[in-house]
C-alpha atoms as a PDB file:
ATOM      1  CA  MET A   1     223.795-163.450 212.951  1.00  0.00           C
ATOM      2  CA  ARG A   2     223.084-159.306 213.188  1.00  0.00           C
ATOM      3  CA  VAL A   3     220.542-157.285 211.491  1.00  0.00           C
ATOM      4  CA  ILE A   4     221.961-153.580 210.413  1.00  0.00           C
ATOM      5  CA  GLY A   5     218.383-151.636 210.677  1.00  0.00           C
ATOM      6  CA  ASN A   6     218.260-148.794 208.363  1.00  0.00           C
ATOM      7  CA  ASP A   7     219.656-145.576 209.318  1.00  0.00           C
ATOM      8  CA  SER A   8     216.995-142.473 209.126  1.00  0.00           C
ATOM      9  CA  GLY A   9     217.765-138.468 207.420  1.00  0.00           C
ATOM     10  CA  PHE A  10     217.929-137.868 203.912  1.00  0.00           C
ATOM     11  CA  THR A  11     219.305-138.868 200.368  1.00  0.00           C
ATOM     12  CA  LEU A  12     221.485-136.205 198.509  1.00  0.00           C
ATOM     13  CA  VAL A  13     218.978-136.015 195.557  1.00  0.00           C
ATOM     14  CA  GLU A  14     216.349-134.854 198.782  1.00  0.00           C
ATOM     15  CA  LEU A  15     218.826-132.174 199.832  1.00  0.00           C
ATOM     16  CA  LEU A  16     219.611-130.753 196.505  1.00  0.00           C
ATOM     17  CA  ILE A  17     215.374-130.506 195.722  1.00  0.00           C
ATOM     18  CA  SER A  18     214.757-128.819 199.199  1.00  0.00           C
ATOM     19  CA  THR A  19     217.654-126.171 198.966  1.00  0.00           C
ATOM     20  CA  ILE A  20     216.078-125.302 195.184  1.00  0.00           C
ATOM     21  CA  ILE A  21     212.369-125.097 196.434  1.00  0.00           C
ATOM     22  CA  MET A  22     213.779-123.052 199.505  1.00  0.00           C
ATOM     23  CA  SER A  23     215.014-121.120 197.088  1.00  0.00           C
ATOM     24  CA  MET A  24     212.190-120.533 194.802  1.00  0.00           C
ATOM     25  CA  ILE A  25     210.098-119.797 197.902  1.00  0.00           C
ATOM     26  CA  VAL A  26     212.336-117.163 199.157  1.00  0.00           C
ATOM     27  CA  LEU A  27     212.918-115.894 195.437  1.00  0.00           C
ATOM     28  CA  ALA A  28     209.185-115.628 195.488  1.00  0.00           C
ATOM     29  CA  LEU A  29     208.715-113.279 198.622  1.00  0.00           C
ATOM     30  CA  THR A  30     211.412-111.292 197.514  1.00  0.00           C
ATOM     31  CA  GLY A  31     210.104-110.532 193.955  1.00  0.00           C
ATOM     32  CA  GLY A  32     207.094-109.884 195.654  1.00  0.00           C
ATOM     33  CA  GLN A  33     208.452-107.489 198.049  1.00  0.00           C
ATOM     34  CA  ARG A  34     210.014-105.594 195.702  1.00  0.00           C
ATOM     35  CA  PHE A  35     206.343-105.075 193.650  1.00  0.00           C
ATOM     36  CA  ALA A  36     205.186-103.726 196.963  1.00  0.00           C
ATOM     37  CA  VAL A  37     207.711-100.890 197.727  1.00  0.00           C
ATOM     38  CA  ARG A  38     207.917 -99.813 193.290  1.00  0.00           C
ATOM     39  CA  ALA A  39     204.179 -99.558 193.702  1.00  0.00           C
ATOM     40  CA  TRP A  40     204.426 -97.752 196.880  1.00  0.00           C
ATOM     41  CA  GLU A  41     206.540 -95.038 195.555  1.00  0.00           C
ATOM     42  CA  SER A  42     204.398 -95.123 192.217  1.00  0.00           C
ATOM     43  CA  GLN A  43     201.578 -93.892 194.348  1.00  0.00           C
ATOM     44  CA  GLU A  44     203.734 -91.684 196.487  1.00  0.00           C
ATOM     45  CA  HIS A  45     204.590 -89.864 192.843  1.00  0.00           C
ATOM     46  CA  GLN A  46     201.164 -90.158 191.881  1.00  0.00           C
ATOM     47  CA  ILE A  47     199.320 -88.472 195.081  1.00  0.00           C
ATOM     48  CA  GLU A  48     202.717 -85.461 194.679  1.00  0.00           C
ATOM     49  CA  ARG A  49     201.490 -84.715 191.187  1.00  0.00           C
ATOM     50  CA  GLU A  50     197.497 -84.427 191.897  1.00  0.00           C
ATOM     51  CA  ALA A  51     198.348 -81.925 194.984  1.00  0.00           C
ATOM     52  CA  ASP A  52     200.734 -79.816 192.588  1.00  0.00           C
ATOM     53  CA  LEU A  53     197.565 -79.828 190.343  1.00  0.00           C
ATOM     54  CA  GLY A  54     195.002 -79.263 193.053  1.00  0.00           C
ATOM     55  CA  ALA A  55     197.434 -76.249 194.212  1.00  0.00           C
ATOM     56  CA  ILE A  56     197.819 -74.855 190.584  1.00  0.00           C
ATOM     57  CA  GLN A  57     194.487 -74.797 189.496  1.00  0.00           C
ATOM     58  CA  ASN A  58     192.950 -73.133 192.969  1.00  0.00           C
ATOM     59  CA  ALA A  59     195.858 -70.374 192.350  1.00  0.00           C
ATOM     60  CA  LEU A  60     195.061 -70.663 188.358  1.00  0.00           C
ATOM     61  CA  ARG A  61     191.202 -70.187 189.991  1.00  0.00           C
ATOM     62  CA  GLN A  62     192.375 -67.223 192.261  1.00  0.00           C
ATOM     63  CA  MET A  63     193.464 -65.060 189.550  1.00  0.00           C
ATOM     64  CA  LEU A  64     191.123 -65.251 186.772  1.00  0.00           C
ATOM     65  CA  ILE A  65     188.653 -64.619 189.326  1.00  0.00           C
ATOM     66  CA  SER A  66     189.659 -61.585 189.986  1.00  0.00           C
ATOM     67  CA  GLY A  67     191.437 -60.616 185.983  1.00  0.00           C
ATOM     68  CA  ARG A  68     189.626 -58.541 183.876  1.00  0.00           C
ATOM     69  CA  GLU A  69     190.600 -57.287 180.244  1.00  0.00           C
ATOM     70  CA  PHE A  70     191.010 -60.884 178.660  1.00  0.00           C
ATOM     71  CA  GLN A  71     191.404 -61.575 175.838  1.00  0.00           C
ATOM     72  CA  GLY A  72     192.685 -65.021 174.342  1.00  0.00           C
ATOM     73  CA  ASP A  73     192.179 -67.726 171.581  1.00  0.00           C
ATOM     74  CA  ASP A  74     192.043 -71.705 171.702  1.00  0.00           C
ATOM     75  CA  SER A  75     195.637 -71.378 172.671  1.00  0.00           C
ATOM     76  CA  ALA A  76     196.690 -68.951 174.752  1.00  0.00           C
ATOM     77  CA  LEU A  77     194.834 -66.185 177.679  1.00  0.00           C
ATOM     78  CA  SER A  78     195.397 -62.264 178.254  1.00  0.00           C
ATOM     79  CA  TRP A  79     194.958 -60.450 181.028  1.00  0.00           C
ATOM     80  CA  VAL A  80     195.433 -58.229 183.335  1.00  0.00           C
ATOM     81  CA  GLY A  81     195.124 -59.024 187.391  1.00  0.00           C
ATOM     82  CA  ALA A  82     196.900 -59.312 190.578  1.00  0.00           C
ATOM     83  CA  LEU A  83     199.033 -62.641 191.649  1.00  0.00           C
ATOM     84  CA  PRO A  84     199.303 -65.225 193.859  1.00  0.00           C
ATOM     85  CA  GLN A  85     199.322 -64.275 197.579  1.00  0.00           C
ATOM     86  CA  GLY A  86     202.287 -66.666 197.583  1.00  0.00           C
ATOM     87  CA  LEU A  87     204.533 -64.937 194.924  1.00  0.00           C
ATOM     88  CA  ASN A  88     204.206 -61.829 197.665  1.00  0.00           C
ATOM     89  CA  ARG A  89     204.152 -59.222 194.735  1.00  0.00           C
ATOM     90  CA  GLY A  90     201.258 -56.606 195.224  1.00  0.00           C
ATOM     91  CA  GLY A  91     199.518 -54.584 191.870  1.00  0.00           C
ATOM     92  CA  LEU A  92     198.287 -55.225 189.211  1.00  0.00           C
ATOM     93  CA  TYR A  93     199.824 -57.612 185.988  1.00  0.00           C
ATOM     94  CA  ASP A  94     199.510 -58.089 182.675  1.00  0.00           C
ATOM     95  CA  ILE A  95     199.143 -62.281 182.448  1.00  0.00           C
ATOM     96  CA  GLN A  96     199.010 -64.495 180.063  1.00  0.00           C
ATOM     97  CA  LEU A  97     198.610 -68.567 179.855  1.00  0.00           C
ATOM     98  CA  LYS A  98     199.876 -71.242 176.797  1.00  0.00           C
ATOM     99  CA  THR A  99     201.879 -73.146 176.299  1.00  0.00           C
ATOM    100  CA  ASP A 100     205.906 -73.352 175.458  1.00  0.00           C
ATOM    101  CA  GLU A 101     206.221 -77.103 173.586  1.00  0.00           C
ATOM    102  CA  ASP A 102     205.211 -79.511 176.656  1.00  0.00           C
ATOM    103  CA  ARG A 103     205.225 -77.101 179.280  1.00  0.00           C
ATOM    104  CA  LEU A 104     202.367 -74.413 181.114  1.00  0.00           C
ATOM    105  CA  VAL A 105     203.319 -71.842 181.033  1.00  0.00           C
ATOM    106  CA  MET A 106     202.164 -68.432 182.728  1.00  0.00           C
ATOM    107  CA  VAL A 107     204.375 -65.524 182.168  1.00  0.00           C
ATOM    108  CA  TRP A 108     203.822 -61.774 183.314  1.00  0.00           C
ATOM    109  CA  ARG A 109     205.348 -58.761 183.570  1.00  0.00           C
ATOM    110  CA  PRO A 110     204.203 -55.037 185.746  1.00  0.00           C
ATOM    111  CA  HIS A 111     200.556 -53.594 184.449  1.00  0.00           C
ATOM    112  CA  PHE A 112     201.539 -49.352 183.258  1.00  0.00           C
ATOM    113  CA  LYS A 113     199.849 -46.982 181.728  1.00  0.00           C
ATOM    114  CA  GLY A 114     200.676 -44.590 179.959  1.00  0.00           C
ATOM    115  CA  PRO A 115     204.797 -44.304 178.766  1.00  0.00           C
ATOM    116  CA  ALA A 116     207.499 -46.625 180.819  1.00  0.00           C
ATOM    117  CA  ALA A 117     210.467 -48.304 181.137  1.00  0.00           C
ATOM    118  CA  PRO A 118     210.381 -51.942 179.241  1.00  0.00           C
ATOM    119  CA  VAL A 119     209.635 -54.454 181.927  1.00  0.00           C
ATOM    120  CA  ASP A 120     210.967 -57.587 180.742  1.00  0.00           C
ATOM    121  CA  PRO A 121     208.629 -60.608 181.478  1.00  0.00           C
ATOM    122  CA  THR A 122     209.095 -63.363 184.747  1.00  0.00           C
ATOM    123  CA  THR A 123     207.818 -67.213 183.009  1.00  0.00           C
ATOM    124  CA  GLU A 124     207.340 -69.307 185.397  1.00  0.00           C
ATOM    125  CA  VAL A 125     206.545 -73.342 184.398  1.00  0.00           C
ATOM    126  CA  LEU A 126     203.042 -74.718 185.596  1.00  0.00           C
ATOM    127  CA  ALA A 127     203.134 -78.707 184.450  1.00  0.00           C
ATOM    128  CA  LYS A 128     205.331 -80.081 182.181  1.00  0.00           C
ATOM    129  CA  GLY A 129     204.552 -83.308 179.983  1.00  0.00           C
ATOM    130  CA  VAL A 130     201.568 -81.657 178.399  1.00  0.00           C
ATOM    131  CA  GLN A 131     199.803 -83.810 175.666  1.00  0.00           C
ATOM    132  CA  ASP A 132     196.889 -80.715 174.652  1.00  0.00           C
ATOM    133  CA  PHE A 133     196.215 -78.152 175.609  1.00  0.00           C
ATOM    134  CA  ASP A 134     192.763 -75.866 175.077  1.00  0.00           C
ATOM    135  CA  LEU A 135     190.814 -73.121 176.143  1.00  0.00           C
ATOM    136  CA  ALA A 136     187.377 -72.237 175.842  1.00  0.00           C
ATOM    137  CA  TYR A 137     184.761 -69.496 177.017  1.00  0.00           C
ATOM    138  CA  TYR A 138     181.436 -69.249 177.888  1.00  0.00           C
ATOM    139  CA  THR A 139     179.460 -66.592 177.089  1.00  0.00           C
ATOM    140  CA  ALA A 140     175.634 -64.179 176.991  1.00  0.00           C
ATOM    141  CA  GLY A 141     174.209 -61.920 174.482  1.00  0.00           C
ATOM    142  CA  LEU A 142     170.905 -59.944 173.490  1.00  0.00           C
ATOM    143  CA  ILE A 143     170.842 -61.242 169.096  1.00  0.00           C
ATOM    144  CA  GLY A 144     167.973 -59.018 168.996  1.00  0.00           C
ATOM    145  CA  GLN A 145     164.321 -58.520 169.906  1.00  0.00           C
ATOM    146  CA  ALA A 146     161.432 -60.627 169.579  1.00  0.00           C
ATOM    147  CA  GLY A 147     157.746 -60.485 170.467  1.00  0.00           C
ATOM    148  CA  ALA A 148     155.262 -57.429 169.661  1.00  0.00           C
ATOM    149  CA  GLY A 149     153.372 -54.837 170.967  1.00  0.00           C
ATOM    150  CA  ASP A 150     154.227 -53.486 174.260  1.00  0.00           C
ATOM    151  CA  SER A 151     156.138 -55.884 175.451  1.00  0.00           C
ATOM    152  CA  PRO A 152     159.406 -56.966 173.470  1.00  0.00           C
ATOM    153  CA  SER A 153     161.924 -59.374 174.862  1.00  0.00           C
ATOM    154  CA  ALA A 154     165.613 -59.838 174.691  1.00  0.00           C
ATOM    155  CA  THR A 155     166.566 -62.682 172.451  1.00  0.00           C
ATOM    156  CA  ILE A 156     169.938 -64.378 174.691  1.00  0.00           C
ATOM    157  CA  THR A 157     172.444 -66.275 172.917  1.00  0.00           C
ATOM    158  CA  GLU A 158     174.716 -68.518 175.438  1.00  0.00           C
ATOM    159  CA  GLN A 159     177.439 -70.438 174.168  1.00  0.00           C
ATOM    160  CA  TRP A 160     181.089 -72.491 174.759  1.00  0.00           C
ATOM    161  CA  GLN A 161     182.976 -69.859 172.085  1.00  0.00           C
ATOM    162  CA  GLN A 162     187.316 -70.155 171.098  1.00  0.00           C
ATOM    163  CA  SER A 163     188.244 -66.518 171.361  1.00  0.00           C
ATOM    164  CA  VAL A 164     187.275 -63.548 173.845  1.00  0.00           C
ATOM    165  CA  THR A 165     188.038 -60.377 172.414  1.00  0.00           C
ATOM    166  CA  ASP A 166     186.022 -57.262 174.142  1.00  0.00           C
ATOM    167  CA  LYS A 167     187.838 -56.423 177.348  1.00  0.00           C
ATOM    168  CA  ALA A 168     184.669 -54.453 178.514  1.00  0.00           C
ATOM    169  CA  LYS A 169     182.991 -57.596 178.936  1.00  0.00           C
ATOM    170  CA  PRO A 170     184.880 -60.974 179.995  1.00  0.00           C
ATOM    171  CA  PRO A 171     183.506 -64.438 179.511  1.00  0.00           C
ATOM    172  CA  ALA A 172     180.779 -65.731 182.261  1.00  0.00           C
ATOM    173  CA  LEU A 173     183.180 -68.943 182.148  1.00  0.00           C
ATOM    174  CA  ILE A 174     186.841 -69.824 181.358  1.00  0.00           C
ATOM    175  CA  LYS A 175     187.313 -73.942 180.518  1.00  0.00           C
ATOM    176  CA  ILE A 176     190.703 -75.311 180.483  1.00  0.00           C
ATOM    177  CA  SER A 177     191.249 -78.488 178.773  1.00  0.00           C
ATOM    178  CA  LEU A 178     195.766 -79.879 179.496  1.00  0.00           C
ATOM    179  CA  GLY A 179     195.557 -83.372 178.726  1.00  0.00           C
ATOM    180  CA  LEU A 180     199.792 -84.864 180.922  1.00  0.00           C
ATOM    181  CA  THR A 181     201.399 -87.255 179.699  1.00  0.00           C
ATOM    182  CA  GLN A 182     201.903 -87.546 184.163  1.00  0.00           C
ATOM    183  CA  GLY A 183     198.477 -86.777 186.059  1.00  0.00           C
ATOM    184  CA  ARG A 184     195.561 -86.015 185.728  1.00  0.00           C
ATOM    185  CA  TRP A 185     194.028 -83.055 185.031  1.00  0.00           C
ATOM    186  CA  GLN A 186     190.178 -81.903 185.568  1.00  0.00           C
ATOM    187  CA  PRO A 187     189.247 -79.591 183.550  1.00  0.00           C
ATOM    188  CA  LEU A 188     189.049 -76.202 185.360  1.00  0.00           C
ATOM    189  CA  ILE A 189     186.453 -73.964 184.821  1.00  0.00           C
ATOM    190  CA  VAL A 190     186.397 -70.266 186.466  1.00  0.00           C
ATOM    191  CA  ALA A 191     183.449 -67.659 186.303  1.00  0.00           C
ATOM    192  CA  PRO A 192     185.474 -64.650 186.644  1.00  0.00           C
ATOM    193  CA  MET A 193     182.227 -62.540 187.811  1.00  0.00           C
ATOM    194  CA  LEU A 194     181.417 -65.085 190.277  1.00  0.00           C
ATOM    195  CA  ASP A 195     182.911 -61.588 192.563  1.00  0.00           C
ATOM    196  CA  ALA A 196     180.633 -59.300 190.875  1.00  0.00           C
ATOM    197  CA  PRO A 197     177.425 -57.261 193.163  1.00  0.00           C
ATOM    198  CA  LEU A 198     174.501 -58.925 192.673  1.00  0.00           C
ATOM    199  CA  GLY A 199     172.524 -58.011 189.210  1.00  0.00           C
ATOM    200  CA  ALA A 200     175.446 -55.948 187.655  1.00  0.00           C
ATOM    201  CA  ALA A 201     175.954 -56.451 183.640  1.00  0.00           C
ATOM    202  CA  PRO A 202     179.370 -57.139 183.329  1.00  0.00           C
ATOM    203  CA  GLY A 203     182.346 -54.851 182.662  1.00  0.00           C
ATOM    204  CA  ALA A 204     179.511 -52.826 184.267  1.00  0.00           C
ATOM    205  CA  PRO A 205     181.008 -50.285 187.771  1.00  0.00           C
ATOM    206  CA  ALA A 206     180.061 -51.754 190.552  1.00  0.00           C
ATOM    207  CA  GLY A 207     176.352 -50.326 191.905  1.00  0.00           C
ATOM    208  CA  GLN A 208     175.596 -49.936 188.208  1.00  0.00           C
ATOM    209  CA  ASN A 209     172.167 -51.354 187.201  1.00  0.00           C
ATOM    210  CA  PRO A 210     171.850 -53.721 184.051  1.00  0.00           C
ATOM    211  CA  VAL A 211     170.959 -52.531 180.738  1.00  0.00           C
ATOM    212  CA  GLY A 212     167.815 -54.361 179.526  1.00  0.00           C
ATOM    213  CA  PRO A 213     165.835 -53.274 176.252  1.00  0.00           C
ATOM    214  CA  ASN A 214     164.319 -50.799 177.443  1.00  0.00           C
ATOM    215  CA  GLY A 215     167.056 -49.385 178.521  1.00  0.00           C
ATOM    216  CA  PRO A 216     168.837 -48.706 182.652  1.00  0.00           C
ATOM    217  CA  THR A 217     166.525 -51.145 184.981  1.00  0.00           C
ATOM    218  CA  ALA A 218     165.140 -49.847 188.088  1.00  0.00           C
ATOM    219  CA  PRO A 219     166.325 -51.543 191.499  1.00  0.00           C
ATOM    220  CA  GLY A 220     164.413 -54.625 191.624  1.00  0.00           C
ATOM    221  CA  GLN A 221     163.317 -54.550 187.747  1.00  0.00           C
ATOM    222  CA  SER A 222     164.606 -57.937 186.229  1.00  0.00           C
ATOM    223  CA  PRO A 223     165.698 -56.646 183.087  1.00  0.00           C
ATOM    224  CA  GLY A 224     162.858 -57.171 180.344  1.00  0.00           C
ATOM    225  CA  GLN A 225     160.322 -55.972 182.262  1.00  0.00           C
ATOM    226  CA  PRO A 226     158.970 -52.612 181.197  1.00  0.00           C
ATOM    227  CA  GLN A 227     159.487 -49.331 183.511  1.00  0.00           C
ATOM    228  CA  ALA A 228     156.540 -48.511 185.311  1.00  0.00           C
ATOM    229  CA  ASN A 229     154.765 -44.886 184.591  1.00  0.00           C
ATOM    230  CA  PRO A 230     155.300 -42.398 187.980  1.00  0.00           C
END
């Protein structure tokens, strides 16, 4: 009598189960790869947007630091200044920063005094997807005198305001806040008088001493200190 041994191998059910498992593993690996590619592309786009916003902030900082004759409120700011060096345009320009629908735009035209042919303004879109735009101005000024005897002292008020109207006296600080649908805008704070001579009063010509409660102060004398008799 011959005994027939069991042949080794896989049944059809086992092959089907193995095929299904391998397909699931391949799909999982492919999905993970696609997710990694999308995440990488999204990160690259985010870096590009932040780099663009950083370049815009640097350009605005340069223009505001060297600007003058500031006028504005919480939604728009106008001043006279030079354009960024990258535009390769010399001279002074009337510049305005504002929003147009959901875009942050800068509008400029050559600054002319006296009669001249009108020039169409140029509009440049700085950012899109703007949800919130706010301007604030930090000012400091004398509001009165307090004290008695021969040593009066000036009272100084410092606060953030929603408007600036005195062209001859630029604000100490300008803050630009912006909310975007995509990208992150860190509040930009600029000191327009950063390049002014040390000790010069806001809006005063170079070389002019600041004015204290007792009149123009002498070199080396702080505002509010009585002048020494000759």
